[in-house]
Amino acid sequence: MRNNHRDRTICPGRIPDNTSPHSTFFHPGSASAAERATFLMQKGVTIWLTGLSASGKSTIACALEQHLLHLNKFVYRLDGDNVRFGLNKDLGFDEKSRNENIRRIGEVSRLFTDACCITITAFISPYRADRALAREIHKKDNLGFIEVFIDAPLHIVEQRDPKGLYKKARAGEIKEFTGISAPYEAPEAPELRIPTDECDVQEAVRRITEIVTFWFIRAVSEEAAAVYACHSESWTRVWSPLALSSSFPAYDGCAGSESFSTFLMA
């Protein structure tokens, strides 16, 4: 039993947040993390995709979400542009706003992952410190976090430029644009690096699925595996690398032979 006010495994009750100036109390639920994982037959993990604009984050995230859904996994995607229509609509693109943008997404992804969801985030998230904070938020609650560097050279993403943003940034029409007039701090030790100038969408999804499978999905309790085996051909067969690599569904006409340049990644 961990002495942590966020721990979902402790007995129900109200625990004060001593860091808050107000009378704020955290109210733990009665469903433990282990119980949730057993019934959902998976553990949660955040797959944090980071990289320059047009590197391929959004397209990979969409394809990965669909692939895992076809494998009957509880999965959800958070996209950098989409959250600015609601949750983060009050934020700009200066450094302070970017910091807050990632802090909020770090907290939201933690909630999804705590619910045993495979949470896919697709954000430029240019600063190492912000990504480290997102990782720490998960680590405090014993939640999985996989940083995936969607790596594409600047000259490649400028060639793709599906939204015309690099052209505008070069012309001075967009201020503080990552990679041009604002820095991008590449991950120093990501769990996975995907060079999108060398591999296609299908291969990117295969690599991420493989690491998720062996690190987290098969890490459910033995009880969950036993329950699953009673209602399926075989736990091992369903989650073998062969089954995963051969079950990739069609994604909006995306075949393995297609390149990232063809799709003009966002």
Protein backbone atom coordinates (compact mmCIF):
# COMPACT_ATOMS: atom_id res chain seq x y z
CA MET A 1 0.00 0.00 0.00
CA ARG A 2 1.57 3.24 -1.16
CA ASN A 3 1.38 6.43 0.87
CA ASN A 4 0.32 8.63 -2.01
CA HIS A 5 -2.77 10.83 -2.06
CA ARG A 6 -3.37 9.83 -5.68
CA ASP A 7 -3.15 6.10 -5.05
CA ARG A 8 -6.34 4.36 -6.15
CA THR A 9 -5.57 1.25 -4.08
CA ILE A 10 -6.13 2.77 -0.64
CA CYS A 11 -9.41 2.57 1.22
CA PRO A 12 -12.11 5.10 0.34
CA GLY A 13 -11.95 8.34 2.25
CA ARG A 14 -11.07 11.96 1.87
CA ILE A 15 -7.39 12.88 1.96
CA PRO A 16 -6.39 16.54 2.23
CA ASP A 17 -4.09 18.15 -0.30
CA ASN A 18 -1.66 19.97 1.96
CA THR A 19 -0.24 21.93 -0.99
CA SER A 20 -3.55 23.66 -1.66
CA PRO A 21 -4.46 26.94 0.06
CA HIS A 22 -8.11 25.88 -0.06
CA SER A 23 -9.97 23.04 1.61
CA THR A 24 -9.27 20.60 -1.21
CA PHE A 25 -9.53 16.87 -0.58
CA PHE A 26 -8.75 13.95 -2.87
CA HIS A 27 -11.47 11.31 -2.77
CA PRO A 28 -10.12 7.86 -3.74
CA GLY A 29 -12.41 5.36 -5.40
CA SER A 30 -13.12 1.85 -4.17
CA ALA A 31 -12.01 0.14 -7.41
CA SER A 32 -8.31 -0.72 -7.29
CA ALA A 33 -5.94 -0.51 -10.25
CA ALA A 34 -5.44 -4.28 -10.16
CA GLU A 35 -9.20 -4.91 -10.16
CA ARG A 36 -9.71 -2.59 -13.12
CA ALA A 37 -6.87 -4.20 -15.08
CA THR A 38 -8.29 -7.65 -14.38
CA PHE A 39 -11.75 -6.87 -15.68
CA LEU A 40 -10.57 -4.82 -18.68
CA MET A 41 -7.83 -7.39 -19.39
CA GLN A 42 -5.18 -4.76 -20.01
CA LYS A 43 -3.06 -2.21 -18.19
CA GLY A 44 -3.02 1.44 -19.11
CA VAL A 45 -0.06 3.15 -20.75
CA THR A 46 0.56 6.53 -22.33
CA ILE A 47 2.28 6.47 -25.70
CA TRP A 48 3.75 9.96 -26.03
CA LEU A 49 4.51 10.83 -29.66
CA THR A 50 6.80 13.85 -30.00
CA GLY A 51 8.39 15.43 -33.05
CA LEU A 52 8.36 18.38 -35.42
CA SER A 53 5.23 19.51 -37.20
CA ALA A 54 4.71 17.31 -40.29
CA SER A 55 6.97 14.58 -38.89
CA GLY A 56 4.11 12.06 -38.88
CA LYS A 57 2.75 12.13 -35.34
CA SER A 58 -0.94 12.56 -36.14
CA THR A 59 -1.06 10.02 -38.95
CA ILE A 60 0.79 7.41 -36.90
CA ALA A 61 -1.46 8.13 -33.91
CA CYS A 62 -4.62 7.65 -36.01
CA ALA A 63 -3.37 4.43 -37.58
CA LEU A 64 -2.16 3.08 -34.23
CA GLU A 65 -5.47 3.86 -32.55
CA GLN A 66 -7.41 2.03 -35.25
CA HIS A 67 -5.02 -0.93 -35.20
CA LEU A 68 -5.28 -1.40 -31.43
CA LEU A 69 -9.05 -0.94 -31.54
CA HIS A 70 -9.25 -3.77 -34.10
CA LEU A 71 -7.34 -5.87 -31.56
CA ASN A 72 -10.17 -5.17 -29.09
CA LYS A 73 -8.08 -2.85 -26.94
CA PHE A 74 -9.39 0.09 -24.94
CA VAL A 75 -7.52 2.94 -26.67
CA TYR A 76 -7.93 6.69 -27.18
CA ARG A 77 -5.99 9.36 -29.04
CA LEU A 78 -5.30 12.93 -27.90
CA ASP A 79 -4.19 15.21 -30.73
CA GLY A 80 -2.31 18.50 -30.38
CA ASP A 81 -4.59 20.47 -32.71
CA ASN A 82 -7.83 18.93 -31.46
CA VAL A 83 -7.37 19.82 -27.79
CA ARG A 84 -6.93 23.49 -28.74
CA PHE A 85 -10.58 23.54 -29.83
CA GLY A 86 -11.69 22.89 -26.25
CA LEU A 87 -9.52 22.12 -23.24
CA ASN A 88 -6.64 24.36 -24.33
CA LYS A 89 -8.49 26.93 -26.43
CA ASP A 90 -7.34 29.67 -24.05
CA LEU A 91 -3.64 29.03 -24.73
CA GLY A 92 -1.35 30.64 -27.30
CA PHE A 93 1.97 29.47 -28.70
CA ASP A 94 4.47 31.40 -26.59
CA GLU A 95 6.78 29.34 -24.36
CA LYS A 96 4.65 29.76 -21.23
CA SER A 97 1.51 28.66 -23.07
CA ARG A 98 3.30 25.69 -24.60
CA ASN A 99 4.44 24.64 -21.11
CA GLU A 100 0.89 24.82 -19.80
CA ASN A 101 -0.45 23.01 -22.86
CA ILE A 102 1.77 20.01 -22.17
CA ARG A 103 1.19 20.12 -18.41
CA ARG A 104 -2.56 19.82 -18.97
CA ILE A 105 -2.18 17.02 -21.49
CA GLY A 106 0.16 15.22 -19.10
CA GLU A 107 -2.56 15.30 -16.46
CA VAL A 108 -5.35 14.30 -18.86
CA SER A 109 -3.34 11.40 -20.27
CA ARG A 110 -2.61 10.27 -16.70
CA LEU A 111 -6.34 10.07 -16.01
CA PHE A 112 -7.00 8.04 -19.16
CA THR A 113 -4.09 5.71 -18.41
CA ASP A 114 -5.19 5.32 -14.80
CA ALA A 115 -8.47 4.02 -16.25
CA CYS A 116 -6.43 1.30 -18.05
CA CYS A 117 -6.69 3.04 -21.40
CA ILE A 118 -3.89 2.89 -23.96
CA THR A 119 -3.57 6.64 -24.36
CA ILE A 120 -1.91 7.95 -27.51
CA THR A 121 -0.80 11.58 -27.46
CA ALA A 122 0.40 13.39 -30.57
CA PHE A 123 1.99 16.70 -29.60
CA ILE A 124 5.09 18.51 -30.78
CA SER A 125 5.97 18.99 -27.07
CA PRO A 126 9.26 20.69 -27.98
CA TYR A 127 10.83 21.01 -24.53
CA ARG A 128 12.53 18.14 -22.70
CA ALA A 129 11.53 19.55 -19.31
CA ASP A 130 7.84 19.46 -20.23
CA ARG A 131 8.06 15.86 -21.48
CA ALA A 132 9.96 14.92 -18.32
CA LEU A 133 7.16 16.44 -16.25
CA ALA A 134 4.56 14.40 -18.14
CA ARG A 135 6.61 11.26 -17.48
CA GLU A 136 6.96 12.13 -13.78
CA ILE A 137 3.20 12.66 -13.45
CA HIS A 138 2.74 9.06 -14.61
CA LYS A 139 5.63 7.68 -12.60
CA LYS A 140 4.17 9.01 -9.34
CA ASP A 141 1.11 6.84 -9.88
CA ASN A 142 3.01 3.79 -11.16
CA LEU A 143 1.58 4.28 -14.65
CA GLY A 144 3.27 3.29 -17.89
CA PHE A 145 4.79 5.98 -20.11
CA ILE A 146 6.47 5.36 -23.47
CA GLU A 147 8.16 8.27 -25.22
CA VAL A 148 8.26 7.78 -28.99
CA PHE A 149 10.40 10.17 -31.01
CA ILE A 150 8.80 10.66 -34.43
CA ASP A 151 12.02 11.70 -36.10
CA ALA A 152 12.11 13.48 -39.45
CA PRO A 153 14.84 15.91 -40.59
CA LEU A 154 13.88 19.55 -40.93
CA HIS A 155 14.38 19.56 -44.70
CA ILE A 156 11.98 16.63 -45.03
CA VAL A 157 9.17 18.18 -42.98
CA GLU A 158 9.62 21.44 -44.87
CA GLN A 159 9.15 19.53 -48.12
CA ARG A 160 5.97 17.94 -46.79
CA ASP A 161 4.54 21.10 -45.15
CA PRO A 162 0.87 20.02 -45.63
CA LYS A 163 -0.49 23.12 -43.86
CA GLY A 164 1.94 25.59 -45.39
CA LEU A 165 3.19 26.52 -41.93
CA TYR A 166 6.92 26.22 -42.61
CA LYS A 167 6.59 28.48 -45.64
CA LYS A 168 4.79 31.08 -43.53
CA ALA A 169 7.35 30.73 -40.73
CA ARG A 170 10.23 31.25 -43.17
CA ALA A 171 8.45 34.35 -44.47
CA GLY A 172 8.12 35.70 -40.94
CA GLU A 173 4.34 35.39 -40.93
CA ILE A 174 4.33 32.98 -37.97
CA LYS A 175 6.34 33.86 -34.88
CA GLU A 176 7.90 31.30 -32.52
CA PHE A 177 7.40 28.39 -34.89
CA THR A 178 9.07 25.19 -33.68
CA GLY A 179 12.08 24.20 -35.75
CA ILE A 180 12.38 27.63 -37.40
CA SER A 181 12.15 30.45 -34.87
CA ALA A 182 11.59 28.36 -31.73
CA PRO A 183 13.62 25.36 -30.52
CA TYR A 184 12.78 21.69 -30.64
CA GLU A 185 14.71 19.68 -28.06
CA ALA A 186 14.92 16.15 -29.40
CA PRO A 187 14.58 13.28 -26.88
CA GLU A 188 17.92 12.03 -25.59
CA ALA A 189 16.75 8.57 -24.54
CA PRO A 190 13.26 7.79 -25.88
CA GLU A 191 11.86 4.28 -25.51
CA LEU A 192 11.45 4.21 -29.28
CA ARG A 193 12.62 6.26 -32.27
CA ILE A 194 10.67 6.15 -35.54
CA PRO A 195 12.56 7.72 -38.50
CA THR A 196 9.66 8.60 -40.78
CA ASP A 197 11.94 9.43 -43.69
CA GLU A 198 12.95 5.75 -43.70
CA CYS A 199 9.82 3.76 -42.74
CA ASP A 200 6.16 3.80 -43.66
CA VAL A 201 3.04 4.10 -41.52
CA GLN A 202 2.50 0.34 -41.23
CA GLU A 203 6.04 -0.26 -39.99
CA ALA A 204 5.74 2.57 -37.48
CA VAL A 205 2.53 1.06 -36.09
CA ARG A 206 4.09 -2.40 -35.97
CA ARG A 207 7.07 -1.18 -33.95
CA ILE A 208 4.95 0.72 -31.44
CA THR A 209 2.45 -2.13 -31.09
CA GLU A 210 5.28 -4.55 -30.40
CA ILE A 211 6.74 -2.49 -27.58
CA VAL A 212 3.28 -1.86 -26.06
CA THR A 213 2.44 -5.57 -26.24
CA PHE A 214 5.53 -6.84 -24.48
CA TRP A 215 5.88 -4.01 -21.96
CA PHE A 216 2.33 -3.47 -20.80
CA ILE A 217 -0.60 -5.35 -22.31
CA ARG A 218 0.80 -8.75 -21.32
CA ALA A 219 1.59 -7.38 -17.88
CA VAL A 220 -1.99 -7.85 -16.64
CA SER A 221 -2.50 -10.13 -13.70
CA GLU A 222 -2.43 -13.92 -14.07
CA GLU A 223 -6.08 -13.93 -13.10
CA ALA A 224 -6.97 -11.70 -16.06
CA ALA A 225 -4.99 -13.90 -18.42
CA ALA A 226 -6.80 -16.98 -17.12
CA VAL A 227 -10.19 -15.33 -17.58
CA TYR A 228 -9.25 -14.21 -21.08
CA ALA A 229 -8.01 -17.68 -22.04
CA CYS A 230 -11.43 -19.11 -21.12
CA HIS A 231 -13.12 -16.89 -23.68
CA SER A 232 -10.56 -16.86 -26.45
CA GLU A 233 -8.45 -19.33 -28.42
CA SER A 234 -5.32 -18.47 -26.52
CA TRP A 235 -3.86 -15.48 -24.72
CA THR A 236 -0.45 -16.24 -26.21
CA ARG A 237 -1.78 -16.71 -29.73
CA VAL A 238 -3.76 -13.46 -29.67
CA TRP A 239 -0.75 -11.45 -28.47
CA SER A 240 2.04 -13.14 -30.40
CA PRO A 241 4.20 -10.83 -32.54
CA LEU A 242 3.10 -12.78 -35.63
CA ALA A 243 -0.56 -12.19 -34.92
CA LEU A 244 0.07 -8.49 -34.36
CA SER A 245 2.17 -7.97 -37.44
CA SER A 246 -0.31 -9.79 -39.69
CA SER A 247 -3.52 -8.19 -38.42
CA PHE A 248 -2.91 -4.57 -39.40
CA PRO A 249 -6.25 -3.31 -40.81
CA ALA A 250 -6.60 -0.97 -43.77
CA TYR A 251 -6.30 2.64 -42.68
CA ASP A 252 -7.94 5.12 -45.06
CA GLY A 253 -6.27 3.46 -48.02
CA CYS A 254 -2.92 3.34 -46.24
CA ALA A 255 -0.93 0.33 -47.40
CA GLY A 256 2.51 -0.59 -46.20
CA SER A 257 4.03 0.49 -49.49
CA GLU A 258 2.86 4.05 -49.05
CA SER A 259 5.36 6.62 -47.82
CA PHE A 260 4.97 9.39 -45.27
CA SER A 261 5.60 11.98 -47.96
CA THR A 262 2.59 10.64 -49.85
CA PHE A 263 0.37 11.22 -46.84
CA LEU A 264 1.83 14.66 -46.05
CA MET A 265 2.02 14.04 -42.35
CA ALA A 266 0.77 16.56 -39.83
